[in-house]
């Protein structure tokens, strides 16, 4: 896939995109044997050299599993740094990786990054109703009917359509007196978990996603670490997507389309 020259260099260890542009303007970069000073030029299978040294193209595609720490943004905008892409292992930085769904800066946990557009579509298509599991710590007291309201669907501000049925599990309080809960969602509206808990009378203190479909966040993957997804993990992820897709009813699909839901920041 054709990539802008500045992005091509940035993804291969030559600094930020702005630093790569300076490198290009300096005349140190050649494309197919000729000096190129146009940072917007697209390169595909051409040979790119920096200081006459050829740049290794690297692997052509990858899907990565990531334990996102707090404080990082799912964005390519340098103004929003620190960014998730800064934690991508060197061997994959040349790829144009996208997150299959996003977590906001104040949410931690399981993320999938991939260069496979078909996989992104499969994981974020609102018709799939792919289940995601969130572990919540909250302050305040939830409605006595919180579990039933989640199961029935909650109308959130700005959208007249109720949320899809969700499973809320209340798990008591921690040593600090904060409430503990687990929420299973089958859609992804903007800041949905936080807004649902607020509508029920609480306020999210911490939020962590530990499962997408049939894929569980590996216990040995520490916060901030990212690695290539194994074949068994990919099967678990896709089996979850297929199971949820096969169990959807026509009515559920119509409701989801009416909601205009898509996996964005939780």
Protein backbone atom coordinates (compact mmCIF):
# COMPACT_ATOMS: atom_id res chain seq x y z
CA UNK A 1 0.00 0.00 0.00
CA UNK A 2 1.34 3.41 -0.98
CA UNK A 3 2.52 5.55 1.96
CA UNK A 4 3.62 9.17 2.22
CA UNK A 5 7.39 9.44 2.31
CA UNK A 6 7.45 11.28 5.65
CA UNK A 7 5.25 8.59 7.23
CA UNK A 8 7.36 5.85 5.62
CA UNK A 9 10.51 7.22 7.26
CA UNK A 10 8.87 8.03 10.59
CA UNK A 11 7.54 4.49 10.89
CA UNK A 12 11.06 3.15 10.30
CA UNK A 13 12.80 4.96 13.12
CA UNK A 14 13.66 8.34 11.59
CA UNK A 15 11.92 10.39 14.24
CA UNK A 16 8.55 12.11 14.18
CA UNK A 17 6.93 13.07 10.89
CA UNK A 18 8.16 16.63 11.28
CA UNK A 19 11.72 15.34 11.81
CA UNK A 20 11.34 13.10 8.76
CA UNK A 21 10.27 16.13 6.70
CA UNK A 22 13.42 18.00 7.73
CA UNK A 23 15.46 14.98 6.67
CA UNK A 24 13.72 14.93 3.29
CA UNK A 25 14.15 18.68 2.74
CA UNK A 26 17.86 18.36 3.50
CA UNK A 27 18.33 16.24 0.37
CA UNK A 28 19.51 13.14 2.24
CA UNK A 29 16.66 10.95 1.00
CA UNK A 30 16.55 9.20 -2.37
CA UNK A 31 13.61 7.39 -3.96
CA UNK A 32 14.45 5.00 -6.80
CA UNK A 33 17.95 6.51 -7.05
CA UNK A 34 16.92 10.19 -7.22
CA UNK A 35 16.98 12.78 -4.45
CA UNK A 36 13.44 13.52 -3.28
CA UNK A 37 12.57 16.70 -1.36
CA UNK A 38 8.78 16.20 -1.52
CA UNK A 39 7.65 14.79 1.83
CA UNK A 40 4.17 14.16 0.46
CA UNK A 41 5.35 11.84 -2.31
CA UNK A 42 3.86 8.38 -2.02
CA UNK A 43 6.09 5.34 -2.05
CA UNK A 44 5.08 1.73 -2.48
CA UNK A 45 7.64 -0.76 -3.80
CA UNK A 46 10.35 1.80 -4.63
CA UNK A 47 13.77 1.58 -2.99
CA UNK A 48 14.21 4.38 -0.45
CA UNK A 49 17.67 5.37 0.74
CA UNK A 50 18.83 7.69 3.51
CA UNK A 51 22.45 8.82 3.21
CA UNK A 52 22.72 6.24 0.40
CA UNK A 53 21.78 3.39 2.74
CA UNK A 54 18.70 1.35 1.65
CA UNK A 55 15.81 1.24 4.13
CA UNK A 56 14.54 -2.20 5.09
CA UNK A 57 10.88 -2.50 4.15
CA UNK A 58 10.10 -4.96 6.99
CA UNK A 59 7.04 -7.16 7.43
CA UNK A 60 4.09 -6.37 5.16
CA UNK A 61 1.31 -6.68 7.74
CA UNK A 62 0.68 -7.42 11.41
CA UNK A 63 -1.98 -7.62 14.08
CA UNK A 64 -0.87 -6.71 17.59
CA UNK A 65 -2.38 -7.20 21.03
CA UNK A 66 -1.76 -4.36 23.48
CA UNK A 67 -2.31 -3.65 27.16
CA UNK A 68 -2.93 0.08 27.00
CA UNK A 69 -1.74 2.05 30.03
CA UNK A 70 -3.44 5.19 31.28
CA UNK A 71 -2.44 8.50 29.74
CA UNK A 72 -2.00 7.44 26.08
CA UNK A 73 -4.23 8.61 23.23
CA UNK A 74 -5.46 6.45 20.33
CA UNK A 75 -4.54 9.08 17.77
CA UNK A 76 -1.94 9.89 15.10
CA UNK A 77 -2.01 13.61 15.99
CA UNK A 78 1.30 14.58 17.58
CA UNK A 79 -0.47 17.39 19.46
CA UNK A 80 -2.28 14.74 21.51
CA UNK A 81 0.93 12.99 22.69
CA UNK A 82 1.72 10.72 24.34
CA UNK A 83 0.29 8.39 21.70
CA UNK A 84 -0.31 4.65 21.61
CA UNK A 85 1.74 4.44 18.41
CA UNK A 86 4.84 5.53 20.36
CA UNK A 87 4.76 2.15 22.14
CA UNK A 88 4.67 0.05 18.95
CA UNK A 89 7.71 -2.28 18.83
CA UNK A 90 10.42 -1.22 16.40
CA UNK A 91 9.81 -4.20 14.10
CA UNK A 92 6.28 -2.93 13.31
CA UNK A 93 6.70 0.85 13.28
CA UNK A 94 6.92 1.01 9.50
CA UNK A 95 3.35 -0.29 9.21
CA UNK A 96 0.28 1.93 9.09
CA UNK A 97 -1.44 0.49 12.16
CA UNK A 98 -4.91 1.45 13.33
CA UNK A 99 -6.67 0.54 16.56
CA UNK A 100 -9.75 -1.63 16.07
CA UNK A 101 -11.89 0.54 18.33
CA UNK A 102 -10.47 3.07 20.75
CA UNK A 103 -10.03 3.62 24.46
CA UNK A 104 -9.82 7.15 25.80
CA UNK A 105 -6.78 8.51 27.59
CA UNK A 106 -8.22 7.67 31.02
CA UNK A 107 -9.12 4.06 30.19
CA UNK A 108 -6.69 1.14 30.28
CA UNK A 109 -6.72 -2.38 28.96
CA UNK A 110 -7.08 -4.50 25.86
CA UNK A 111 -6.57 -2.96 22.42
CA UNK A 112 -6.05 -4.57 19.04
CA UNK A 113 -3.85 -2.76 16.51
CA UNK A 114 -3.70 -3.98 12.94
CA UNK A 115 -2.77 -3.08 9.37
CA UNK A 116 -5.64 -5.27 8.14
CA UNK A 117 -8.58 -3.11 7.10
CA UNK A 118 -10.89 -6.12 6.82
CA UNK A 119 -10.17 -7.04 10.43
CA UNK A 120 -10.88 -3.50 11.61
CA UNK A 121 -14.22 -3.65 9.81
CA UNK A 122 -15.04 -7.04 11.33
CA UNK A 123 -14.30 -5.81 14.86
CA UNK A 124 -15.97 -2.40 14.63
CA UNK A 125 -18.95 -3.03 12.35
CA UNK A 126 -22.00 -2.13 14.49
CA UNK A 127 -23.91 -5.09 13.05
CA UNK A 128 -21.50 -7.51 14.72
CA UNK A 129 -22.54 -6.60 18.29
CA UNK A 130 -19.12 -7.80 19.44
CA UNK A 131 -19.07 -8.09 23.23
CA UNK A 132 -16.56 -6.07 25.24
CA UNK A 133 -16.04 -6.48 28.99
CA UNK A 134 -15.15 -3.55 31.26
CA UNK A 135 -14.04 -3.57 34.89
CA UNK A 136 -15.27 -0.46 36.70
CA UNK A 137 -14.51 1.32 39.95
CA UNK A 138 -17.02 4.04 40.75
CA UNK A 139 -18.02 6.51 43.43
CA UNK A 140 -21.56 7.29 44.53
CA UNK A 141 -24.55 5.01 44.83
CA UNK A 142 -26.13 3.40 41.79
CA UNK A 143 -29.86 3.18 41.23
CA UNK A 144 -31.56 0.22 42.91
CA UNK A 145 -32.70 -0.76 39.42
CA UNK A 146 -29.27 -0.35 37.78
CA UNK A 147 -28.97 -3.96 36.62
CA UNK A 148 -32.47 -4.02 35.12
CA UNK A 149 -32.01 -0.63 33.46
CA UNK A 150 -28.82 -1.80 31.74
CA UNK A 151 -30.55 -4.98 30.60
CA UNK A 152 -33.46 -2.98 29.20
CA UNK A 153 -31.38 -0.20 27.64
CA UNK A 154 -30.68 3.36 28.79
CA UNK A 155 -31.49 6.52 26.84
CA UNK A 156 -28.37 8.70 26.95
CA UNK A 157 -28.28 12.43 26.31
CA UNK A 158 -28.07 13.32 22.64
CA UNK A 159 -29.52 10.04 21.33
CA UNK A 160 -33.21 9.12 21.58
CA UNK A 161 -32.47 5.45 20.98
CA UNK A 162 -31.75 3.35 24.06
CA UNK A 163 -28.48 1.51 24.43
CA UNK A 164 -28.46 -2.12 23.44
CA UNK A 165 -29.14 -4.56 26.30
CA UNK A 166 -26.04 -4.78 28.50
CA UNK A 167 -25.14 -6.99 31.44
CA UNK A 168 -24.14 -5.16 34.63
CA UNK A 169 -22.66 -7.14 37.51
CA UNK A 170 -22.37 -5.36 40.87
CA UNK A 171 -19.47 -6.68 42.94
CA UNK A 172 -19.54 -4.81 46.24
CA UNK A 173 -16.96 -2.24 47.32
CA UNK A 174 -13.18 -2.10 47.62
CA UNK A 175 -11.13 -1.18 50.71
CA UNK A 176 -11.57 2.52 49.92
CA UNK A 177 -15.34 2.18 49.82
CA UNK A 178 -15.56 2.59 46.04
CA UNK A 179 -18.07 0.50 44.13
CA UNK A 180 -16.91 -2.36 41.92
CA UNK A 181 -18.75 -3.52 38.82
CA UNK A 182 -18.35 -5.34 35.51
CA UNK A 183 -20.21 -4.24 32.40
CA UNK A 184 -20.64 -6.27 29.21
CA UNK A 185 -21.41 -4.10 26.15
CA UNK A 186 -22.34 -5.03 22.59
CA UNK A 187 -21.86 -1.59 21.05
CA UNK A 188 -19.52 1.35 21.43
CA UNK A 189 -20.92 4.84 21.78
CA UNK A 190 -18.82 7.83 22.79
CA UNK A 191 -17.76 7.45 26.45
CA UNK A 192 -20.60 4.96 26.83
CA UNK A 193 -19.53 3.26 30.06
CA UNK A 194 -18.92 6.57 31.85
CA UNK A 195 -22.24 8.01 30.63
CA UNK A 196 -24.21 4.90 31.62
CA UNK A 197 -22.74 4.85 35.12
CA UNK A 198 -23.42 8.58 35.48
CA UNK A 199 -27.03 8.07 34.39
CA UNK A 200 -27.34 5.36 37.06
CA UNK A 201 -26.14 7.74 39.79
CA UNK A 202 -22.41 7.03 40.01
CA UNK A 203 -19.16 8.39 38.62
CA UNK A 204 -16.45 6.24 37.08
CA UNK A 205 -13.17 6.45 38.97
CA UNK A 206 -11.26 3.84 36.96
CA UNK A 207 -12.10 1.89 33.82
CA UNK A 208 -10.32 -1.14 32.37
CA UNK A 209 -11.24 -3.34 29.39
CA UNK A 210 -10.07 -6.93 29.68
CA UNK A 211 -11.95 -8.79 26.95
CA UNK A 212 -13.04 -8.31 23.34
CA UNK A 213 -15.23 -11.08 21.96
CA UNK A 214 -13.55 -14.33 22.96
CA UNK A 215 -10.12 -12.72 23.43
CA UNK A 216 -9.01 -12.18 27.03
CA UNK A 217 -6.23 -9.75 27.93
CA UNK A 218 -3.24 -12.05 28.62
CA UNK A 219 -2.21 -12.06 32.27
CA UNK A 220 1.48 -11.88 31.28
CA UNK A 221 1.06 -8.77 29.11
CA UNK A 222 1.98 -5.89 31.40
CA UNK A 223 0.63 -2.35 30.88
CA UNK A 224 2.47 -0.66 28.02
CA UNK A 225 3.53 -3.90 26.36
CA UNK A 226 2.49 -4.86 22.84
CA UNK A 227 3.22 -7.99 20.82
CA UNK A 228 2.06 -9.83 17.73
CA UNK A 229 -1.19 -11.71 18.22
CA UNK A 230 -0.87 -15.49 18.17
CA UNK A 231 -2.96 -17.73 15.91
CA UNK A 232 -4.92 -19.06 18.89
CA UNK A 233 -5.65 -15.52 20.10
CA UNK A 234 -6.84 -14.54 16.63
CA UNK A 235 -9.17 -17.56 16.57
CA UNK A 236 -10.56 -16.58 19.97
CA UNK A 237 -11.11 -13.00 18.83
CA UNK A 238 -12.83 -13.98 15.59
CA UNK A 239 -14.91 -16.75 17.17
CA UNK A 240 -16.31 -14.11 19.50
CA UNK A 241 -17.16 -11.89 16.53
CA UNK A 242 -18.78 -14.74 14.62
CA UNK A 243 -20.77 -15.95 17.64
CA UNK A 244 -22.18 -12.52 18.35
CA UNK A 245 -22.94 -11.92 14.68
CA UNK A 246 -24.76 -15.22 14.32
CA UNK A 247 -26.93 -14.62 17.38
CA UNK A 248 -28.09 -11.15 16.34
CA UNK A 249 -31.73 -10.81 15.40
CA UNK A 250 -33.02 -8.66 12.56
CA UNK A 251 -34.62 -6.36 15.13
CA UNK A 252 -31.32 -5.91 16.96
CA UNK A 253 -29.59 -5.02 13.70
CA UNK A 254 -32.21 -2.43 12.84
CA UNK A 255 -31.93 -0.90 16.31
CA UNK A 256 -28.15 -0.78 16.04
CA UNK A 257 -28.31 0.90 12.64
CA UNK A 258 -30.79 3.44 13.99
CA UNK A 259 -28.44 4.18 16.89
CA UNK A 260 -25.62 4.87 14.44
CA UNK A 261 -23.32 3.18 16.95
CA UNK A 262 -19.70 2.55 16.17
CA UNK A 263 -16.83 1.62 18.44
CA UNK A 264 -15.15 4.87 19.43
CA UNK A 265 -13.87 6.16 22.74
CA UNK A 266 -15.24 4.39 25.82
